[in-house]
PDB file of all heavy atoms in Angstrom:
ATOM      1  N   TYR A   1    -152.619  62.694 143.301  1.00  0.00           N
ATOM      2  CA  TYR A   1    -153.408  61.471 143.246  1.00  0.00           C
ATOM      3  C   TYR A   1    -153.335  60.919 141.832  1.00  0.00           C
ATOM      4  O   TYR A   1    -153.503  61.653 140.858  1.00  0.00           O
ATOM      5  CB  TYR A   1    -154.866  61.724 143.648  1.00  0.00           C
ATOM      6  CG  TYR A   1    -155.023  61.936 145.132  1.00  0.00           C
ATOM      7  CD1 TYR A   1    -154.921  63.206 145.686  1.00  0.00           C
ATOM      8  CD2 TYR A   1    -155.269  60.864 145.974  1.00  0.00           C
ATOM      9  CE1 TYR A   1    -155.055  63.394 147.058  1.00  0.00           C
ATOM     10  CE2 TYR A   1    -155.402  61.049 147.343  1.00  0.00           C
ATOM     11  CZ  TYR A   1    -155.294  62.314 147.867  1.00  0.00           C
ATOM     12  OH  TYR A   1    -155.419  62.499 149.216  1.00  0.00           O
ATOM     13  N   TYR A   2    -153.065  59.612 141.718  1.00  0.00           N
ATOM     14  CA  TYR A   2    -152.985  58.962 140.420  1.00  0.00           C
ATOM     15  C   TYR A   2    -154.374  58.473 140.023  1.00  0.00           C
ATOM     16  O   TYR A   2    -155.082  57.862 140.820  1.00  0.00           O
ATOM     17  CB  TYR A   2    -151.996  57.802 140.471  1.00  0.00           C
ATOM     18  CG  TYR A   2    -150.583  58.290 140.670  1.00  0.00           C
ATOM     19  CD1 TYR A   2    -150.052  58.441 141.941  1.00  0.00           C
ATOM     20  CD2 TYR A   2    -149.807  58.642 139.578  1.00  0.00           C
ATOM     21  CE1 TYR A   2    -148.764  58.918 142.133  1.00  0.00           C
ATOM     22  CE2 TYR A   2    -148.516  59.122 139.753  1.00  0.00           C
ATOM     23  CZ  TYR A   2    -148.004  59.250 141.025  1.00  0.00           C
ATOM     24  OH  TYR A   2    -146.735  59.722 141.208  1.00  0.00           O
ATOM     25  N   LEU A   3    -154.723  58.722 138.765  1.00  0.00           N
ATOM     26  CA  LEU A   3    -156.034  58.359 138.254  1.00  0.00           C
ATOM     27  C   LEU A   3    -155.960  57.027 137.514  1.00  0.00           C
ATOM     28  O   LEU A   3    -154.893  56.649 137.021  1.00  0.00           O
ATOM     29  CB  LEU A   3    -156.543  59.462 137.320  1.00  0.00           C
ATOM     30  CG  LEU A   3    -156.570  60.865 137.937  1.00  0.00           C
ATOM     31  CD1 LEU A   3    -156.936  61.896 136.887  1.00  0.00           C
ATOM     32  CD2 LEU A   3    -157.525  60.928 139.107  1.00  0.00           C
ATOM     33  N   PRO A   4    -157.090  56.324 137.414  1.00  0.00           N
ATOM     34  CA  PRO A   4    -157.092  55.015 136.751  1.00  0.00           C
ATOM     35  C   PRO A   4    -156.640  55.063 135.291  1.00  0.00           C
ATOM     36  O   PRO A   4    -156.107  54.091 134.776  1.00  0.00           O
ATOM     37  CB  PRO A   4    -158.552  54.564 136.842  1.00  0.00           C
ATOM     38  CG  PRO A   4    -159.128  55.344 137.969  1.00  0.00           C
ATOM     39  CD  PRO A   4    -158.392  56.642 138.003  1.00  0.00           C
ATOM     40  N   ASP A   5    -156.816  56.204 134.621  1.00  0.00           N
ATOM     41  CA  ASP A   5    -156.437  56.313 133.213  1.00  0.00           C
ATOM     42  C   ASP A   5    -154.948  56.622 133.016  1.00  0.00           C
ATOM     43  O   ASP A   5    -154.481  56.842 131.909  1.00  0.00           O
ATOM     44  CB  ASP A   5    -157.279  57.360 132.502  1.00  0.00           C
ATOM     45  CG  ASP A   5    -157.104  58.765 133.074  1.00  0.00           C
ATOM     46  OD1 ASP A   5    -156.258  58.951 133.973  1.00  0.00           O
ATOM     47  OD2 ASP A   5    -157.821  59.674 132.621  1.00  0.00           O
ATOM     48  N   GLY A   6    -154.178  56.651 134.116  1.00  0.00           N
ATOM     49  CA  GLY A   6    -152.744  56.913 134.024  1.00  0.00           C
ATOM     50  C   GLY A   6    -152.378  58.368 134.252  1.00  0.00           C
ATOM     51  O   GLY A   6    -151.210  58.698 134.406  1.00  0.00           O
ATOM     52  N   ASN A   7    -153.339  59.255 134.254  1.00  0.00           N
ATOM     53  CA  ASN A   7    -153.075  60.667 134.552  1.00  0.00           C
ATOM     54  C   ASN A   7    -153.032  60.869 136.061  1.00  0.00           C
ATOM     55  O   ASN A   7    -153.227  59.935 136.829  1.00  0.00           O
ATOM     56  CB  ASN A   7    -154.148  61.552 133.918  1.00  0.00           C
ATOM     57  CG  ASN A   7    -154.022  61.594 132.412  1.00  0.00           C
ATOM     58  OD1 ASN A   7    -152.934  61.696 131.872  1.00  0.00           O
ATOM     59  ND2 ASN A   7    -155.145  61.508 131.739  1.00  0.00           N
ATOM     60  N   PHE A   8    -152.808  62.097 136.472  1.00  0.00           N
ATOM     61  CA  PHE A   8    -152.779  62.405 137.891  1.00  0.00           C
ATOM     62  C   PHE A   8    -153.242  63.840 138.099  1.00  0.00           C
ATOM     63  O   PHE A   8    -153.313  64.622 137.164  1.00  0.00           O
ATOM     64  CB  PHE A   8    -151.368  62.207 138.474  1.00  0.00           C
ATOM     65  CG  PHE A   8    -150.301  62.951 137.744  1.00  0.00           C
ATOM     66  CD1 PHE A   8    -150.007  64.269 138.048  1.00  0.00           C
ATOM     67  CD2 PHE A   8    -149.591  62.326 136.732  1.00  0.00           C
ATOM     68  CE1 PHE A   8    -149.029  64.956 137.360  1.00  0.00           C
ATOM     69  CE2 PHE A   8    -148.604  63.014 136.038  1.00  0.00           C
ATOM     70  CZ  PHE A   8    -148.332  64.333 136.348  1.00  0.00           C
ATOM     71  N   VAL A   9    -153.595  64.150 139.341  1.00  0.00           N
ATOM     72  CA  VAL A   9    -153.922  65.530 139.715  1.00  0.00           C
ATOM     73  C   VAL A   9    -152.967  65.938 140.823  1.00  0.00           C
ATOM     74  O   VAL A   9    -152.591  65.126 141.660  1.00  0.00           O
ATOM     75  CB  VAL A   9    -155.386  65.693 140.178  1.00  0.00           C
ATOM     76  CG1 VAL A   9    -156.351  65.420 139.048  1.00  0.00           C
ATOM     77  CG2 VAL A   9    -155.711  64.815 141.355  1.00  0.00           C
ATOM     78  N   ILE A  10    -152.564  67.192 140.784  1.00  0.00           N
ATOM     79  CA  ILE A  10    -151.718  67.739 141.837  1.00  0.00           C
ATOM     80  C   ILE A  10    -152.294  69.078 142.259  1.00  0.00           C
ATOM     81  O   ILE A  10    -153.024  69.713 141.509  1.00  0.00           O
ATOM     82  CB  ILE A  10    -150.248  67.922 141.385  1.00  0.00           C
ATOM     83  CG1 ILE A  10    -150.174  68.824 140.156  1.00  0.00           C
ATOM     84  CG2 ILE A  10    -149.590  66.591 141.135  1.00  0.00           C
ATOM     85  CD1 ILE A  10    -148.783  69.209 139.777  1.00  0.00           C
ATOM     86  N   ALA A  11    -152.006  69.480 143.469  1.00  0.00           N
ATOM     87  CA  ALA A  11    -152.495  70.749 143.984  1.00  0.00           C
ATOM     88  C   ALA A  11    -151.524  71.251 145.046  1.00  0.00           C
ATOM     89  O   ALA A  11    -150.561  70.579 145.397  1.00  0.00           O
ATOM     90  CB  ALA A  11    -153.895  70.571 144.567  1.00  0.00           C
ATOM     91  N   GLU A  12    -151.821  72.435 145.565  1.00  0.00           N
ATOM     92  CA  GLU A  12    -150.955  73.012 146.600  1.00  0.00           C
ATOM     93  C   GLU A  12    -151.087  72.276 147.923  1.00  0.00           C
ATOM     94  O   GLU A  12    -150.146  72.217 148.701  1.00  0.00           O
ATOM     95  CB  GLU A  12    -151.271  74.495 146.783  1.00  0.00           C
ATOM     96  CG  GLU A  12    -150.804  75.338 145.612  1.00  0.00           C
ATOM     97  CD  GLU A  12    -150.909  76.818 145.879  1.00  0.00           C
ATOM     98  OE1 GLU A  12    -150.896  77.224 147.057  1.00  0.00           O
ATOM     99  OE2 GLU A  12    -151.003  77.575 144.900  1.00  0.00           O
ATOM    100  N   THR A  13    -152.275  71.726 148.195  1.00  0.00           N
ATOM    101  CA  THR A  13    -152.485  71.014 149.452  1.00  0.00           C
ATOM    102  C   THR A  13    -153.062  69.633 149.166  1.00  0.00           C
ATOM    103  O   THR A  13    -153.643  69.389 148.103  1.00  0.00           O
ATOM    104  CB  THR A  13    -153.469  71.764 150.370  1.00  0.00           C
ATOM    105  OG1 THR A  13    -154.774  71.767 149.743  1.00  0.00           O
ATOM    106  CG2 THR A  13    -153.015  73.194 150.638  1.00  0.00           C
ATOM    107  N   GLU A  14    -152.931  68.752 150.148  1.00  0.00           N
ATOM    108  CA  GLU A  14    -153.490  67.409 150.007  1.00  0.00           C
ATOM    109  C   GLU A  14    -155.009  67.469 149.856  1.00  0.00           C
ATOM    110  O   GLU A  14    -155.600  66.740 149.060  1.00  0.00           O
ATOM    111  CB  GLU A  14    -153.111  66.569 151.225  1.00  0.00           C
ATOM    112  CG  GLU A  14    -153.605  65.142 151.152  1.00  0.00           C
ATOM    113  CD  GLU A  14    -153.199  64.316 152.358  1.00  0.00           C
ATOM    114  OE1 GLU A  14    -152.344  64.758 153.141  1.00  0.00           O
ATOM    115  OE2 GLU A  14    -153.763  63.222 152.500  1.00  0.00           O
ATOM    116  N   GLU A  15    -155.639  68.366 150.606  1.00  0.00           N
ATOM    117  CA  GLU A  15    -157.090  68.485 150.564  1.00  0.00           C
ATOM    118  C   GLU A  15    -157.575  68.895 149.174  1.00  0.00           C
ATOM    119  O   GLU A  15    -158.548  68.363 148.646  1.00  0.00           O
ATOM    120  CB  GLU A  15    -157.586  69.496 151.605  1.00  0.00           C
ATOM    121  CG  GLU A  15    -157.386  69.072 153.047  1.00  0.00           C
ATOM    122  CD  GLU A  15    -155.937  69.226 153.531  1.00  0.00           C
ATOM    123  OE1 GLU A  15    -155.149  69.991 152.923  1.00  0.00           O
ATOM    124  OE2 GLU A  15    -155.593  68.554 154.522  1.00  0.00           O
ATOM    125  N   GLU A  16    -156.883  69.868 148.574  1.00  0.00           N
ATOM    126  CA  GLU A  16    -157.264  70.332 147.239  1.00  0.00           C
ATOM    127  C   GLU A  16    -157.026  69.248 146.198  1.00  0.00           C
ATOM    128  O   GLU A  16    -157.840  69.055 145.297  1.00  0.00           O
ATOM    129  CB  GLU A  16    -156.496  71.602 146.871  1.00  0.00           C
ATOM    130  CG  GLU A  16    -156.856  72.181 145.527  1.00  0.00           C
ATOM    131  CD  GLU A  16    -158.320  72.568 145.373  1.00  0.00           C
ATOM    132  OE1 GLU A  16    -158.963  72.941 146.374  1.00  0.00           O
ATOM    133  OE2 GLU A  16    -158.837  72.475 144.235  1.00  0.00           O
ATOM    134  N   ALA A  17    -155.928  68.501 146.307  1.00  0.00           N
ATOM    135  CA  ALA A  17    -155.650  67.402 145.382  1.00  0.00           C
ATOM    136  C   ALA A  17    -156.730  66.326 145.498  1.00  0.00           C
ATOM    137  O   ALA A  17    -157.213  65.800 144.492  1.00  0.00           O
ATOM    138  CB  ALA A  17    -154.275  66.804 145.649  1.00  0.00           C
ATOM    139  N   LEU A  18    -157.116  65.998 146.727  1.00  0.00           N
ATOM    140  CA  LEU A  18    -158.164  65.000 146.940  1.00  0.00           C
ATOM    141  C   LEU A  18    -159.490  65.472 146.351  1.00  0.00           C
ATOM    142  O   LEU A  18    -160.212  64.699 145.714  1.00  0.00           O
ATOM    143  CB  LEU A  18    -158.317  64.702 148.436  1.00  0.00           C
ATOM    144  CG  LEU A  18    -159.357  63.655 148.810  1.00  0.00           C
ATOM    145  CD1 LEU A  18    -159.076  62.325 148.123  1.00  0.00           C
ATOM    146  CD2 LEU A  18    -159.406  63.484 150.315  1.00  0.00           C
ATOM    147  N   LYS A  19    -159.806  66.738 146.517  1.00  0.00           N
ATOM    148  CA  LYS A  19    -161.047  67.309 145.972  1.00  0.00           C
ATOM    149  C   LYS A  19    -161.053  67.181 144.441  1.00  0.00           C
ATOM    150  O   LYS A  19    -162.054  66.757 143.859  1.00  0.00           O
ATOM    151  CB  LYS A  19    -161.148  68.774 146.392  1.00  0.00           C
ATOM    152  CG  LYS A  19    -162.398  69.471 145.954  1.00  0.00           C
ATOM    153  CD  LYS A  19    -162.381  70.902 146.482  1.00  0.00           C
ATOM    154  CE  LYS A  19    -163.509  71.714 145.920  1.00  0.00           C
ATOM    155  NZ  LYS A  19    -163.452  73.119 146.361  1.00  0.00           N
ATOM    156  N   GLN A  20    -159.926  67.521 143.816  1.00  0.00           N
ATOM    157  CA  GLN A  20    -159.829  67.410 142.359  1.00  0.00           C
ATOM    158  C   GLN A  20    -159.941  65.951 141.913  1.00  0.00           C
ATOM    159  O   GLN A  20    -160.593  65.635 140.916  1.00  0.00           O
ATOM    160  CB  GLN A  20    -158.506  67.992 141.866  1.00  0.00           C
ATOM    161  CG  GLN A  20    -158.406  69.481 141.966  1.00  0.00           C
ATOM    162  CD  GLN A  20    -157.055  69.974 141.480  1.00  0.00           C
ATOM    163  OE1 GLN A  20    -156.424  69.361 140.621  1.00  0.00           O
ATOM    164  NE2 GLN A  20    -156.608  71.087 142.040  1.00  0.00           N
ATOM    165  N   ALA A  21    -159.282  65.062 142.655  1.00  0.00           N
ATOM    166  CA  ALA A  21    -159.286  63.646 142.309  1.00  0.00           C
ATOM    167  C   ALA A  21    -160.693  63.061 142.428  1.00  0.00           C
ATOM    168  O   ALA A  21    -161.120  62.277 141.582  1.00  0.00           O
ATOM    169  CB  ALA A  21    -158.312  62.884 143.202  1.00  0.00           C
ATOM    170  N   ARG A  22    -161.419  63.435 143.463  1.00  0.00           N
ATOM    171  CA  ARG A  22    -162.789  62.917 143.648  1.00  0.00           C
ATOM    172  C   ARG A  22    -163.707  63.366 142.525  1.00  0.00           C
ATOM    173  O   ARG A  22    -164.625  62.641 142.143  1.00  0.00           O
ATOM    174  CB  ARG A  22    -163.330  63.361 145.001  1.00  0.00           C
ATOM    175  CG  ARG A  22    -162.738  62.554 146.127  1.00  0.00           C
ATOM    176  CD  ARG A  22    -163.420  62.835 147.440  1.00  0.00           C
ATOM    177  NE  ARG A  22    -162.937  61.909 148.443  1.00  0.00           N
ATOM    178  CZ  ARG A  22    -162.747  62.231 149.705  1.00  0.00           C
ATOM    179  NH1 ARG A  22    -162.996  63.452 150.136  1.00  0.00           N
ATOM    180  NH2 ARG A  22    -162.311  61.335 150.563  1.00  0.00           N
ATOM    181  N   LYS A  23    -163.458  64.550 141.987  1.00  0.00           N
ATOM    182  CA  LYS A  23    -164.250  65.024 140.858  1.00  0.00           C
ATOM    183  C   LYS A  23    -164.069  64.114 139.650  1.00  0.00           C
ATOM    184  O   LYS A  23    -164.938  63.995 138.813  1.00  0.00           O
ATOM    185  CB  LYS A  23    -163.849  66.444 140.475  1.00  0.00           C
ATOM    186  CG  LYS A  23    -164.370  67.505 141.396  1.00  0.00           C
ATOM    187  CD  LYS A  23    -163.971  68.877 140.879  1.00  0.00           C
ATOM    188  CE  LYS A  23    -164.401  69.960 141.841  1.00  0.00           C
ATOM    189  NZ  LYS A  23    -163.951  71.290 141.377  1.00  0.00           N
ATOM    190  N   LYS A  24    -162.904  63.478 139.572  1.00  0.00           N
ATOM    191  CA  LYS A  24    -162.591  62.598 138.451  1.00  0.00           C
ATOM    192  C   LYS A  24    -162.772  61.128 138.796  1.00  0.00           C
ATOM    193  O   LYS A  24    -162.277  60.261 138.113  1.00  0.00           O
ATOM    194  CB  LYS A  24    -161.169  62.860 137.961  1.00  0.00           C
ATOM    195  CG  LYS A  24    -161.018  64.280 137.456  1.00  0.00           C
ATOM    196  CD  LYS A  24    -159.641  64.517 136.903  1.00  0.00           C
ATOM    197  CE  LYS A  24    -159.571  65.949 136.401  1.00  0.00           C
ATOM    198  NZ  LYS A  24    -158.446  66.175 135.519  1.00  0.00           N
ATOM    199  N   GLN A  25    -163.437  60.837 139.909  1.00  0.00           N
ATOM    200  CA  GLN A  25    -163.764  59.483 140.357  1.00  0.00           C
ATOM    201  C   GLN A  25    -162.518  58.608 140.504  1.00  0.00           C
ATOM    202  O   GLN A  25    -162.379  57.584 139.859  1.00  0.00           O
ATOM    203  CB  GLN A  25    -164.753  58.821 139.413  1.00  0.00           C
ATOM    204  CG  GLN A  25    -166.067  59.576 139.338  1.00  0.00           C
ATOM    205  CD  GLN A  25    -167.041  58.956 138.377  1.00  0.00           C
ATOM    206  OE1 GLN A  25    -166.709  58.076 137.608  1.00  0.00           O
ATOM    207  NE2 GLN A  25    -168.265  59.427 138.418  1.00  0.00           N
ATOM    208  N   VAL A  26    -161.650  59.001 141.388  1.00  0.00           N
ATOM    209  CA  VAL A  26    -160.414  58.272 141.628  1.00  0.00           C
ATOM    210  C   VAL A  26    -160.692  56.943 142.315  1.00  0.00           C
ATOM    211  O   VAL A  26    -161.500  56.862 143.225  1.00  0.00           O
ATOM    212  CB  VAL A  26    -159.465  59.116 142.519  1.00  0.00           C
ATOM    213  CG1 VAL A  26    -158.339  58.289 143.051  1.00  0.00           C
ATOM    214  CG2 VAL A  26    -158.939  60.272 141.701  1.00  0.00           C
ATOM    215  N   ILE A  27    -160.002  55.910 141.851  1.00  0.00           N
ATOM    216  CA  ILE A  27    -160.094  54.606 142.497  1.00  0.00           C
ATOM    217  C   ILE A  27    -158.827  54.335 143.292  1.00  0.00           C
ATOM    218  O   ILE A  27    -158.862  53.962 144.446  1.00  0.00           O
ATOM    219  CB  ILE A  27    -160.292  53.491 141.435  1.00  0.00           C
ATOM    220  CG1 ILE A  27    -161.641  53.691 140.730  1.00  0.00           C
ATOM    221  CG2 ILE A  27    -160.195  52.127 142.078  1.00  0.00           C
ATOM    222  CD1 ILE A  27    -161.845  52.802 139.545  1.00  0.00           C
ATOM    223  N   LYS A  28    -157.662  54.565 142.673  1.00  0.00           N
ATOM    224  CA  LYS A  28    -156.376  54.283 143.319  1.00  0.00           C
ATOM    225  C   LYS A  28    -155.803  55.584 143.902  1.00  0.00           C
ATOM    226  O   LYS A  28    -155.617  56.541 143.184  1.00  0.00           O
ATOM    227  CB  LYS A  28    -155.406  53.703 142.282  1.00  0.00           C
ATOM    228  CG  LYS A  28    -154.051  53.388 142.845  1.00  0.00           C
ATOM    229  CD  LYS A  28    -153.152  52.857 141.736  1.00  0.00           C
ATOM    230  CE  LYS A  28    -151.764  52.602 142.266  1.00  0.00           C
ATOM    231  NZ  LYS A  28    -150.850  52.237 141.202  1.00  0.00           N
ATOM    232  N   ILE A  29    -155.526  55.588 145.188  1.00  0.00           N
ATOM    233  CA  ILE A  29    -154.949  56.763 145.838  1.00  0.00           C
ATOM    234  C   ILE A  29    -153.552  56.399 146.324  1.00  0.00           C
ATOM    235  O   ILE A  29    -153.385  55.461 147.082  1.00  0.00           O
ATOM    236  CB  ILE A  29    -155.838  57.232 147.006  1.00  0.00           C
ATOM    237  CG1 ILE A  29    -157.204  57.662 146.476  1.00  0.00           C
ATOM    238  CG2 ILE A  29    -155.159  58.359 147.759  1.00  0.00           C
ATOM    239  CD1 ILE A  29    -158.183  58.033 147.555  1.00  0.00           C
ATOM    240  N   CYS A  30    -152.549  57.135 145.859  1.00  0.00           N
ATOM    241  CA  CYS A  30    -151.159  56.894 146.256  1.00  0.00           C
ATOM    242  C   CYS A  30    -150.605  58.158 146.867  1.00  0.00           C
ATOM    243  O   CYS A  30    -150.220  59.064 146.163  1.00  0.00           O
ATOM    244  CB  CYS A  30    -150.309  56.513 145.046  1.00  0.00           C
ATOM    245  SG  CYS A  30    -150.855  55.014 144.233  1.00  0.00           S
TER     246      CYS A  30
END
């Protein structure tokens, strides 16, 4: 998941990546 500040989060599964991204208040999901 790409974060608004230009960084991103990655994980082994989509669910884990989404969980990490939500912790960082993701706006844009690609």
